[in-house]
């Protein structure tokens, strides 16, 4: 399995397959490079990555921040759990009386525990690379499973990789919802 650190520049003469990772300049005046992952299920491609090319994923225009944001494009295994712990300020009085008020504007952010079980080397590498590049600092777009299935921004502060046997890997992570 290739490592998550040696990522080549996109070349028009190279044929790319599912979960290949490349560097590519996003826009002609941009010096900033973005990472893209091949996301089409069948076939191969030699077309250039862009926000509008359906064969490439990993970056999406976010209407909340009005910026291009990283997008997590892999589907987790079925054992996903969502945790919600609303922040509430409580004021207790005598005789068991209690007053409650929400703490802040975004007081009910979710945390999603995801796992990617039995993934081949290429897909596990792409997932691990995506999380590693964000460095628990940069937020990304992710759609949590139903009934929370709306596009939100998340940060992955922890993840793990394990190899079950050759070409069979598991990646586990916790995505914490953030506002920006």
N, C-alpha and C. Protein backbone atom coordinates (compact mmCIF):
# COMPACT_ATOMS: atom_id res chain seq x y z
N UNK A 1 0.86 -1.17 0.00
CA UNK A 1 0.00 0.00 0.00
C UNK A 1 0.90 1.23 0.00
N UNK A 2 0.62 2.15 -0.89
CA UNK A 2 1.35 3.42 -0.93
C UNK A 2 1.04 4.20 0.35
N UNK A 3 1.94 5.09 0.73
CA UNK A 3 1.70 5.83 1.97
C UNK A 3 0.83 7.05 1.74
N UNK A 4 0.43 7.69 2.83
CA UNK A 4 -0.49 8.83 2.75
C UNK A 4 0.23 10.14 2.54
N UNK A 5 1.56 10.12 2.47
CA UNK A 5 2.33 11.35 2.39
C UNK A 5 2.83 11.69 0.98
N UNK A 6 3.07 10.70 0.15
CA UNK A 6 3.59 10.93 -1.20
C UNK A 6 2.44 11.01 -2.20
N UNK A 7 1.96 12.23 -2.42
CA UNK A 7 0.82 12.45 -3.29
C UNK A 7 1.30 13.15 -4.56
N UNK A 8 1.08 12.55 -5.73
CA UNK A 8 1.58 13.15 -6.97
C UNK A 8 0.71 14.30 -7.48
N UNK A 9 1.29 15.13 -8.35
CA UNK A 9 0.53 16.15 -9.08
C UNK A 9 -0.32 15.45 -10.12
N UNK A 10 -1.49 16.03 -10.42
CA UNK A 10 -2.34 15.48 -11.46
C UNK A 10 -1.65 15.66 -12.81
N UNK A 11 -1.70 14.62 -13.65
CA UNK A 11 -1.14 14.67 -15.00
C UNK A 11 -2.18 14.17 -15.98
N UNK A 12 -2.31 14.87 -17.09
CA UNK A 12 -3.31 14.49 -18.08
C UNK A 12 -2.97 13.16 -18.75
N UNK A 13 -1.73 12.73 -18.69
CA UNK A 13 -1.32 11.49 -19.34
C UNK A 13 -1.50 10.27 -18.44
N UNK A 14 -1.89 10.49 -17.19
CA UNK A 14 -2.06 9.39 -16.24
C UNK A 14 -3.53 8.99 -16.16
N UNK A 15 -3.77 7.70 -16.09
CA UNK A 15 -5.11 7.19 -15.91
C UNK A 15 -5.34 6.97 -14.42
N UNK A 16 -6.45 7.50 -13.88
CA UNK A 16 -6.74 7.41 -12.46
C UNK A 16 -7.89 6.46 -12.20
N UNK A 17 -7.82 5.81 -11.06
CA UNK A 17 -8.83 4.84 -10.66
C UNK A 17 -9.46 5.26 -9.33
N UNK A 18 -10.46 4.50 -8.92
CA UNK A 18 -11.18 4.75 -7.68
C UNK A 18 -10.24 4.97 -6.50
N UNK A 19 -10.43 6.06 -5.77
CA UNK A 19 -9.69 6.43 -4.57
C UNK A 19 -8.24 6.86 -4.80
N UNK A 20 -7.87 7.18 -6.04
CA UNK A 20 -6.56 7.79 -6.27
C UNK A 20 -6.58 9.21 -5.72
N UNK A 21 -5.44 9.68 -5.25
CA UNK A 21 -5.33 11.02 -4.67
C UNK A 21 -4.32 11.81 -5.50
N UNK A 22 -4.64 13.06 -5.80
CA UNK A 22 -3.71 13.92 -6.54
C UNK A 22 -3.73 15.33 -5.99
N UNK A 23 -2.66 16.07 -6.25
CA UNK A 23 -2.61 17.52 -6.03
C UNK A 23 -3.07 18.18 -7.32
N UNK A 24 -3.80 19.27 -7.21
CA UNK A 24 -4.22 20.00 -8.39
C UNK A 24 -4.50 21.44 -8.01
N UNK A 25 -4.09 22.39 -8.86
CA UNK A 25 -4.39 23.79 -8.61
C UNK A 25 -5.86 24.04 -8.91
N UNK A 26 -6.53 24.66 -7.97
CA UNK A 26 -7.95 24.94 -8.12
C UNK A 26 -8.10 26.35 -8.66
N UNK A 27 -8.25 26.49 -9.94
CA UNK A 27 -8.37 27.81 -10.57
C UNK A 27 -7.03 28.27 -11.12
N UNK A 28 -7.06 29.09 -12.15
CA UNK A 28 -5.84 29.51 -12.83
C UNK A 28 -5.02 30.49 -12.01
N UNK A 29 -5.65 31.34 -11.19
CA UNK A 29 -4.90 32.32 -10.42
C UNK A 29 -4.53 31.82 -9.03
N UNK A 30 -4.86 30.59 -8.72
CA UNK A 30 -4.67 30.08 -7.38
C UNK A 30 -3.34 29.35 -7.24
N UNK A 31 -2.60 29.69 -6.20
CA UNK A 31 -1.38 28.96 -5.89
C UNK A 31 -1.67 27.83 -4.90
N UNK A 32 -2.82 27.89 -4.29
CA UNK A 32 -3.17 26.91 -3.26
C UNK A 32 -3.61 25.61 -3.92
N UNK A 33 -3.04 24.51 -3.48
CA UNK A 33 -3.37 23.21 -4.06
C UNK A 33 -4.41 22.49 -3.22
N UNK A 34 -5.27 21.78 -3.89
CA UNK A 34 -6.31 21.00 -3.22
C UNK A 34 -6.11 19.53 -3.55
N UNK A 35 -6.64 18.70 -2.71
CA UNK A 35 -6.57 17.26 -2.94
C UNK A 35 -7.89 16.78 -3.49
N UNK A 36 -7.84 15.84 -4.40
CA UNK A 36 -9.04 15.29 -5.00
C UNK A 36 -8.98 13.77 -4.95
N UNK A 37 -10.13 13.17 -4.82
CA UNK A 37 -10.22 11.73 -4.80
C UNK A 37 -11.18 11.30 -5.90
N UNK A 38 -10.80 10.32 -6.64
CA UNK A 38 -11.64 9.82 -7.71
C UNK A 38 -12.88 9.20 -7.08
N UNK A 39 -14.05 9.61 -7.48
CA UNK A 39 -15.26 9.18 -6.79
C UNK A 39 -16.27 8.45 -7.67
N UNK A 40 -16.00 8.29 -8.94
CA UNK A 40 -16.93 7.57 -9.79
C UNK A 40 -16.79 6.07 -9.55
N UNK A 41 -17.85 5.34 -9.54
CA UNK A 41 -17.81 3.93 -9.18
C UNK A 41 -17.14 3.07 -10.25
N UNK A 42 -17.48 3.27 -11.52
CA UNK A 42 -16.94 2.41 -12.58
C UNK A 42 -16.01 3.18 -13.50
N UNK A 43 -15.07 2.47 -14.09
CA UNK A 43 -14.23 3.05 -15.12
C UNK A 43 -13.01 3.79 -14.59
N UNK A 44 -12.31 4.41 -15.51
CA UNK A 44 -11.11 5.17 -15.20
C UNK A 44 -11.24 6.54 -15.84
N UNK A 45 -10.39 7.48 -15.43
CA UNK A 45 -10.50 8.82 -15.97
C UNK A 45 -9.14 9.44 -16.23
N UNK A 46 -9.09 10.31 -17.20
CA UNK A 46 -7.91 11.14 -17.43
C UNK A 46 -8.32 12.61 -17.44
N UNK A 47 -9.58 12.89 -17.06
CA UNK A 47 -10.06 14.28 -17.07
C UNK A 47 -9.56 15.03 -15.84
N UNK A 48 -9.41 16.34 -15.99
CA UNK A 48 -8.87 17.17 -14.91
C UNK A 48 -9.87 17.34 -13.77
N UNK A 49 -9.37 17.39 -12.54
CA UNK A 49 -10.25 17.64 -11.40
C UNK A 49 -10.81 19.07 -11.44
N UNK A 50 -12.05 19.22 -11.03
CA UNK A 50 -12.67 20.54 -10.89
C UNK A 50 -13.86 20.40 -9.96
N UNK A 51 -14.44 21.52 -9.58
CA UNK A 51 -15.62 21.46 -8.72
C UNK A 51 -16.82 20.88 -9.44
N UNK A 52 -16.80 20.89 -10.77
CA UNK A 52 -17.95 20.46 -11.56
C UNK A 52 -17.76 19.12 -12.24
N UNK A 53 -16.61 18.52 -12.10
CA UNK A 53 -16.33 17.23 -12.70
C UNK A 53 -16.82 16.14 -11.75
N UNK A 54 -17.81 15.36 -12.18
CA UNK A 54 -18.40 14.34 -11.31
C UNK A 54 -17.49 13.15 -11.06
N UNK A 55 -16.40 13.06 -11.78
CA UNK A 55 -15.47 11.95 -11.56
C UNK A 55 -14.53 12.21 -10.39
N UNK A 56 -14.43 13.46 -9.95
CA UNK A 56 -13.53 13.82 -8.85
C UNK A 56 -14.33 14.35 -7.68
N UNK A 57 -13.88 14.08 -6.47
CA UNK A 57 -14.53 14.57 -5.27
C UNK A 57 -13.49 15.08 -4.29
N UNK A 58 -13.93 15.46 -3.11
CA UNK A 58 -13.01 15.90 -2.07
C UNK A 58 -13.04 17.39 -1.82
N UNK A 59 -13.63 18.17 -2.71
CA UNK A 59 -13.79 19.62 -2.50
C UNK A 59 -15.16 20.02 -3.02
N UNK A 60 -15.83 20.89 -2.28
CA UNK A 60 -17.16 21.34 -2.66
C UNK A 60 -17.31 22.79 -2.25
N UNK A 61 -18.07 23.54 -3.01
CA UNK A 61 -18.35 24.93 -2.65
C UNK A 61 -19.39 24.92 -1.53
N UNK A 62 -19.07 25.56 -0.42
CA UNK A 62 -19.96 25.59 0.74
C UNK A 62 -20.70 26.91 0.78
N UNK A 63 -22.01 26.86 0.72
CA UNK A 63 -22.82 28.08 0.69
C UNK A 63 -22.89 28.77 2.06
N UNK A 64 -22.56 28.05 3.14
CA UNK A 64 -22.56 28.69 4.47
C UNK A 64 -21.35 29.60 4.63
N UNK A 65 -20.19 29.12 4.20
CA UNK A 65 -18.95 29.89 4.37
C UNK A 65 -18.56 30.65 3.11
N UNK A 66 -19.25 30.37 2.00
CA UNK A 66 -18.95 30.96 0.69
C UNK A 66 -17.50 30.70 0.27
N UNK A 67 -17.03 29.49 0.57
CA UNK A 67 -15.67 29.07 0.23
C UNK A 67 -15.69 27.63 -0.25
N UNK A 68 -14.63 27.24 -0.94
CA UNK A 68 -14.44 25.84 -1.26
C UNK A 68 -13.97 25.14 0.01
N UNK A 69 -14.68 24.06 0.38
CA UNK A 69 -14.36 23.32 1.60
C UNK A 69 -14.07 21.88 1.24
N UNK A 70 -13.22 21.22 2.02
CA UNK A 70 -13.03 19.78 1.82
C UNK A 70 -14.36 19.05 2.07
N UNK A 71 -14.59 18.00 1.28
CA UNK A 71 -15.81 17.21 1.44
C UNK A 71 -15.43 15.75 1.65
N UNK A 72 -15.93 15.16 2.71
CA UNK A 72 -15.69 13.75 3.00
C UNK A 72 -16.67 12.93 2.17
N UNK A 73 -16.17 12.13 1.23
CA UNK A 73 -17.04 11.50 0.23
C UNK A 73 -17.26 10.00 0.41
N UNK A 74 -16.60 9.38 1.39
CA UNK A 74 -16.72 7.93 1.55
C UNK A 74 -17.90 7.58 2.43
N UNK A 75 -18.56 6.47 2.11
CA UNK A 75 -19.72 6.01 2.88
C UNK A 75 -19.25 5.12 4.02
N UNK A 76 -19.66 5.42 5.24
CA UNK A 76 -19.25 4.58 6.38
C UNK A 76 -19.98 3.25 6.38
N UNK A 77 -19.47 2.32 7.17
CA UNK A 77 -20.15 1.04 7.38
C UNK A 77 -21.43 1.31 8.17
N UNK A 78 -22.25 0.28 8.34
CA UNK A 78 -23.57 0.48 8.94
C UNK A 78 -23.55 0.75 10.45
N UNK A 79 -22.45 0.50 11.11
CA UNK A 79 -22.42 0.69 12.57
C UNK A 79 -22.06 2.13 12.95
N UNK A 80 -22.87 3.08 12.50
CA UNK A 80 -22.68 4.50 12.79
C UNK A 80 -23.50 4.87 14.01
N UNK A 81 -22.91 5.67 14.90
CA UNK A 81 -23.70 6.16 16.03
C UNK A 81 -23.57 7.67 16.11
N UNK A 82 -24.68 8.32 16.47
CA UNK A 82 -24.72 9.77 16.58
C UNK A 82 -25.03 10.11 18.04
N UNK A 83 -24.21 10.99 18.60
CA UNK A 83 -24.40 11.41 19.98
C UNK A 83 -24.74 12.89 20.01
N UNK A 84 -25.72 13.22 20.82
CA UNK A 84 -26.12 14.61 20.98
C UNK A 84 -26.14 14.92 22.47
N UNK A 85 -25.50 16.02 22.85
CA UNK A 85 -25.47 16.44 24.25
C UNK A 85 -25.70 17.96 24.31
N UNK A 86 -26.96 18.39 24.26
CA UNK A 86 -27.24 19.83 24.25
C UNK A 86 -26.67 20.52 25.49
N UNK A 87 -26.11 21.70 25.28
CA UNK A 87 -25.58 22.49 26.39
C UNK A 87 -26.72 23.32 26.97
N UNK A 88 -26.93 23.16 28.27
CA UNK A 88 -28.02 23.84 28.95
C UNK A 88 -27.48 24.41 30.26
N UNK A 89 -27.85 25.65 30.57
CA UNK A 89 -27.54 26.25 31.86
C UNK A 89 -28.70 25.96 32.80
N UNK A 90 -28.38 25.49 34.02
CA UNK A 90 -29.43 25.13 34.97
C UNK A 90 -29.28 25.97 36.23
N UNK A 91 -30.38 26.38 36.74
CA UNK A 91 -30.42 27.10 38.00
C UNK A 91 -31.38 26.35 38.92
N UNK A 92 -30.84 25.79 40.01
CA UNK A 92 -31.66 24.98 40.93
C UNK A 92 -32.10 25.82 42.11
N UNK A 93 -33.36 25.65 42.45
CA UNK A 93 -33.95 26.29 43.61
C UNK A 93 -34.34 25.22 44.61
N UNK A 94 -34.85 25.63 45.73
CA UNK A 94 -35.30 24.67 46.73
C UNK A 94 -36.52 23.91 46.26
N UNK A 95 -36.83 22.85 46.95
CA UNK A 95 -38.00 22.00 46.69
C UNK A 95 -37.98 21.36 45.31
N UNK A 96 -36.78 21.19 44.72
CA UNK A 96 -36.66 20.51 43.43
C UNK A 96 -36.98 21.35 42.22
N UNK A 97 -37.30 22.61 42.40
CA UNK A 97 -37.61 23.49 41.28
C UNK A 97 -36.32 23.81 40.53
N UNK A 98 -36.38 23.78 39.21
CA UNK A 98 -35.20 24.02 38.38
C UNK A 98 -35.60 24.84 37.16
N UNK A 99 -34.72 25.77 36.77
CA UNK A 99 -34.93 26.56 35.57
C UNK A 99 -33.83 26.21 34.58
N UNK A 100 -34.16 26.05 33.28
CA UNK A 100 -33.19 25.67 32.27
C UNK A 100 -33.26 26.63 31.09
N UNK A 101 -32.10 26.94 30.54
CA UNK A 101 -32.02 27.80 29.35
C UNK A 101 -30.87 27.29 28.49
N UNK A 102 -31.04 27.33 27.16
CA UNK A 102 -29.97 26.86 26.28
C UNK A 102 -28.73 27.73 26.42
N UNK A 103 -27.58 27.10 26.31
CA UNK A 103 -26.29 27.76 26.48
C UNK A 103 -25.72 28.10 25.11
N UNK A 104 -25.97 29.30 24.62
CA UNK A 104 -25.41 29.73 23.35
C UNK A 104 -26.33 29.47 22.17
N UNK A 105 -25.88 29.94 21.02
CA UNK A 105 -26.69 29.82 19.80
C UNK A 105 -26.65 28.40 19.27
N UNK A 106 -25.46 27.83 19.17
CA UNK A 106 -25.30 26.47 18.62
C UNK A 106 -25.07 25.50 19.78
N UNK A 107 -26.11 25.26 20.53
CA UNK A 107 -25.98 24.48 21.75
C UNK A 107 -26.25 22.99 21.58
N UNK A 108 -26.59 22.55 20.38
CA UNK A 108 -26.91 21.14 20.18
C UNK A 108 -26.17 20.58 18.98
N UNK A 109 -24.85 20.61 19.03
CA UNK A 109 -24.03 20.05 17.95
C UNK A 109 -23.86 18.56 18.18
N UNK A 110 -23.82 17.80 17.10
CA UNK A 110 -23.76 16.34 17.21
C UNK A 110 -22.32 15.83 17.05
N UNK A 111 -22.12 14.61 17.50
CA UNK A 111 -20.86 13.91 17.33
C UNK A 111 -21.19 12.56 16.67
N UNK A 112 -20.51 12.24 15.57
CA UNK A 112 -20.82 11.04 14.80
C UNK A 112 -19.63 10.09 14.83
N UNK A 113 -19.85 8.88 15.36
CA UNK A 113 -18.81 7.86 15.36
C UNK A 113 -19.00 6.99 14.12
N UNK A 114 -17.99 6.99 13.26
CA UNK A 114 -18.08 6.25 12.00
C UNK A 114 -16.97 5.21 11.93
N UNK A 115 -17.23 4.15 11.19
CA UNK A 115 -16.19 3.16 10.92
C UNK A 115 -16.28 2.76 9.46
N UNK A 116 -15.16 2.43 8.93
CA UNK A 116 -15.03 2.00 7.54
C UNK A 116 -14.36 0.64 7.59
N UNK A 117 -15.18 -0.41 7.63
CA UNK A 117 -14.69 -1.76 7.84
C UNK A 117 -14.44 -2.48 6.53
N UNK A 118 -13.43 -3.34 6.55
CA UNK A 118 -13.09 -4.21 5.41
C UNK A 118 -12.87 -3.41 4.13
N UNK A 119 -12.11 -2.34 4.21
CA UNK A 119 -11.81 -1.50 3.04
C UNK A 119 -10.47 -1.91 2.45
N UNK A 120 -10.39 -1.86 1.13
CA UNK A 120 -9.12 -2.23 0.48
C UNK A 120 -8.05 -1.18 0.78
N UNK A 121 -6.82 -1.48 0.44
CA UNK A 121 -5.70 -0.60 0.75
C UNK A 121 -5.89 0.80 0.17
N UNK A 122 -6.38 0.86 -1.05
CA UNK A 122 -6.52 2.15 -1.74
C UNK A 122 -7.54 3.05 -1.04
N UNK A 123 -8.69 2.51 -0.69
CA UNK A 123 -9.72 3.31 -0.02
C UNK A 123 -9.29 3.69 1.39
N UNK A 124 -8.70 2.77 2.14
CA UNK A 124 -8.22 3.07 3.50
C UNK A 124 -7.15 4.16 3.45
N UNK A 125 -6.30 4.12 2.45
CA UNK A 125 -5.27 5.15 2.28
C UNK A 125 -5.91 6.51 2.02
N UNK A 126 -6.91 6.56 1.15
CA UNK A 126 -7.58 7.82 0.81
C UNK A 126 -8.29 8.41 2.03
N UNK A 127 -8.99 7.58 2.80
CA UNK A 127 -9.68 8.05 4.00
C UNK A 127 -8.67 8.56 5.02
N UNK A 128 -7.62 7.78 5.27
CA UNK A 128 -6.59 8.18 6.24
C UNK A 128 -5.91 9.47 5.80
N UNK A 129 -5.65 9.60 4.50
CA UNK A 129 -5.01 10.81 3.98
C UNK A 129 -5.91 12.02 4.20
N UNK A 130 -7.19 11.90 3.88
CA UNK A 130 -8.13 13.00 4.05
C UNK A 130 -8.12 13.50 5.49
N UNK A 131 -8.22 12.58 6.45
CA UNK A 131 -8.26 12.96 7.86
C UNK A 131 -6.93 13.54 8.32
N UNK A 132 -5.85 12.96 7.86
CA UNK A 132 -4.51 13.43 8.25
C UNK A 132 -4.22 14.84 7.75
N UNK A 133 -4.62 15.14 6.53
CA UNK A 133 -4.38 16.46 5.95
C UNK A 133 -5.16 17.55 6.70
N UNK A 134 -6.35 17.22 7.22
CA UNK A 134 -7.15 18.19 7.96
C UNK A 134 -6.51 18.52 9.31
N UNK A 135 -5.74 17.61 9.87
CA UNK A 135 -4.99 17.81 11.13
C UNK A 135 -5.86 18.22 12.30
N UNK A 136 -7.09 17.76 12.35
CA UNK A 136 -8.04 18.07 13.43
C UNK A 136 -8.30 19.56 13.57
N UNK A 137 -7.92 20.34 12.57
CA UNK A 137 -8.04 21.79 12.62
C UNK A 137 -9.03 22.30 11.56
N UNK A 138 -8.90 21.79 10.36
CA UNK A 138 -9.73 22.26 9.24
C UNK A 138 -11.04 21.49 9.20
N UNK A 139 -12.14 22.22 9.12
CA UNK A 139 -13.45 21.57 9.04
C UNK A 139 -13.70 21.06 7.62
N UNK A 140 -14.61 20.09 7.53
CA UNK A 140 -14.97 19.51 6.23
C UNK A 140 -16.46 19.24 6.19
N UNK A 141 -16.97 19.10 4.98
CA UNK A 141 -18.39 18.82 4.77
C UNK A 141 -18.61 17.32 4.85
N UNK A 142 -19.65 16.93 5.58
CA UNK A 142 -20.01 15.51 5.71
C UNK A 142 -21.52 15.44 5.89
N UNK A 143 -22.14 14.43 5.30
CA UNK A 143 -23.57 14.19 5.48
C UNK A 143 -23.72 13.01 6.41
N UNK A 144 -24.20 13.27 7.63
CA UNK A 144 -24.43 12.21 8.60
C UNK A 144 -25.58 11.32 8.12
N UNK A 145 -25.64 10.10 8.62
CA UNK A 145 -26.71 9.19 8.17
C UNK A 145 -28.08 9.64 8.69
N UNK A 146 -29.11 9.08 8.09
CA UNK A 146 -30.49 9.37 8.47
C UNK A 146 -30.69 9.01 9.94
N UNK A 147 -31.42 9.77 10.70
CA UNK A 147 -32.28 10.88 10.37
C UNK A 147 -31.59 12.24 10.43
N UNK A 148 -30.27 12.26 10.57
CA UNK A 148 -29.52 13.52 10.65
C UNK A 148 -29.00 13.93 9.28
N UNK A 149 -29.51 13.37 8.24
CA UNK A 149 -28.93 13.47 6.90
C UNK A 149 -29.05 14.85 6.26
N UNK A 150 -28.30 15.79 6.79
CA UNK A 150 -28.15 17.07 6.14
C UNK A 150 -26.67 17.41 6.14
N UNK A 151 -26.28 18.21 5.18
CA UNK A 151 -24.88 18.58 5.02
C UNK A 151 -24.46 19.51 6.15
N UNK A 152 -23.43 19.11 6.92
CA UNK A 152 -22.94 19.92 8.03
C UNK A 152 -21.42 19.94 8.00
N UNK A 153 -20.84 20.84 8.79
CA UNK A 153 -19.39 20.92 8.91
C UNK A 153 -18.94 20.15 10.14
N UNK A 154 -17.84 19.39 9.97
CA UNK A 154 -17.31 18.56 11.04
C UNK A 154 -15.80 18.71 11.13
N UNK A 155 -15.25 18.29 12.27
CA UNK A 155 -13.82 18.17 12.48
C UNK A 155 -13.58 16.77 13.04
N UNK A 156 -12.55 16.10 12.58
CA UNK A 156 -12.16 14.80 13.14
C UNK A 156 -10.95 15.02 14.03
N UNK A 157 -11.14 14.87 15.33
CA UNK A 157 -10.04 15.08 16.28
C UNK A 157 -9.27 13.80 16.56
N UNK A 158 -9.90 12.66 16.32
CA UNK A 158 -9.26 11.35 16.54
C UNK A 158 -9.72 10.37 15.47
N UNK A 159 -8.81 9.52 15.04
CA UNK A 159 -9.15 8.42 14.15
C UNK A 159 -8.10 7.34 14.32
N UNK A 160 -8.45 6.15 13.90
CA UNK A 160 -7.51 5.03 14.01
C UNK A 160 -7.57 4.19 12.74
N UNK A 161 -6.48 3.53 12.48
CA UNK A 161 -6.34 2.65 11.31
C UNK A 161 -5.88 1.30 11.82
N UNK A 162 -6.49 0.23 11.34
CA UNK A 162 -6.02 -1.11 11.67
C UNK A 162 -6.10 -1.99 10.44
N UNK A 163 -5.11 -2.87 10.33
CA UNK A 163 -5.06 -3.79 9.20
C UNK A 163 -5.47 -5.17 9.69
N UNK A 164 -6.58 -5.70 9.18
CA UNK A 164 -7.06 -7.03 9.57
C UNK A 164 -6.18 -8.10 8.91
N UNK A 165 -5.99 -7.99 7.62
CA UNK A 165 -5.06 -8.81 6.85
C UNK A 165 -4.83 -8.12 5.53
N UNK A 166 -4.09 -8.73 4.63
CA UNK A 166 -3.71 -8.05 3.39
C UNK A 166 -4.94 -7.52 2.65
N UNK A 167 -4.89 -6.24 2.31
CA UNK A 167 -5.92 -5.55 1.54
C UNK A 167 -7.29 -5.57 2.24
N UNK A 168 -7.28 -5.61 3.56
CA UNK A 168 -8.51 -5.55 4.34
C UNK A 168 -8.22 -4.72 5.59
N UNK A 169 -8.70 -3.47 5.57
CA UNK A 169 -8.36 -2.50 6.61
C UNK A 169 -9.61 -1.91 7.24
N UNK A 170 -9.44 -1.39 8.45
CA UNK A 170 -10.52 -0.72 9.16
C UNK A 170 -10.04 0.67 9.57
N UNK A 171 -10.89 1.66 9.36
CA UNK A 171 -10.62 3.02 9.81
C UNK A 171 -11.81 3.43 10.66
N UNK A 172 -11.51 3.96 11.85
CA UNK A 172 -12.56 4.44 12.74
C UNK A 172 -12.28 5.90 13.09
N UNK A 173 -13.35 6.69 13.19
CA UNK A 173 -13.17 8.12 13.49
C UNK A 173 -14.40 8.66 14.21
N UNK A 174 -14.21 9.78 14.87
CA UNK A 174 -15.32 10.52 15.45
C UNK A 174 -15.33 11.90 14.83
N UNK A 175 -16.44 12.25 14.21
CA UNK A 175 -16.63 13.54 13.58
C UNK A 175 -17.45 14.42 14.52
N UNK A 176 -16.90 15.56 14.90
CA UNK A 176 -17.60 16.49 15.77
C UNK A 176 -18.10 17.67 14.96
N UNK A 177 -19.38 17.95 15.06
CA UNK A 177 -19.97 19.07 14.31
C UNK A 177 -19.42 20.39 14.82
N UNK A 178 -19.09 21.27 13.89
CA UNK A 178 -18.62 22.62 14.21
C UNK A 178 -19.44 23.62 13.39
N UNK A 179 -19.33 24.89 13.76
CA UNK A 179 -20.12 25.90 13.05
C UNK A 179 -19.37 26.40 11.82
N UNK A 180 -18.07 26.68 11.90
CA UNK A 180 -17.25 27.03 10.74
C UNK A 180 -15.88 26.44 10.85
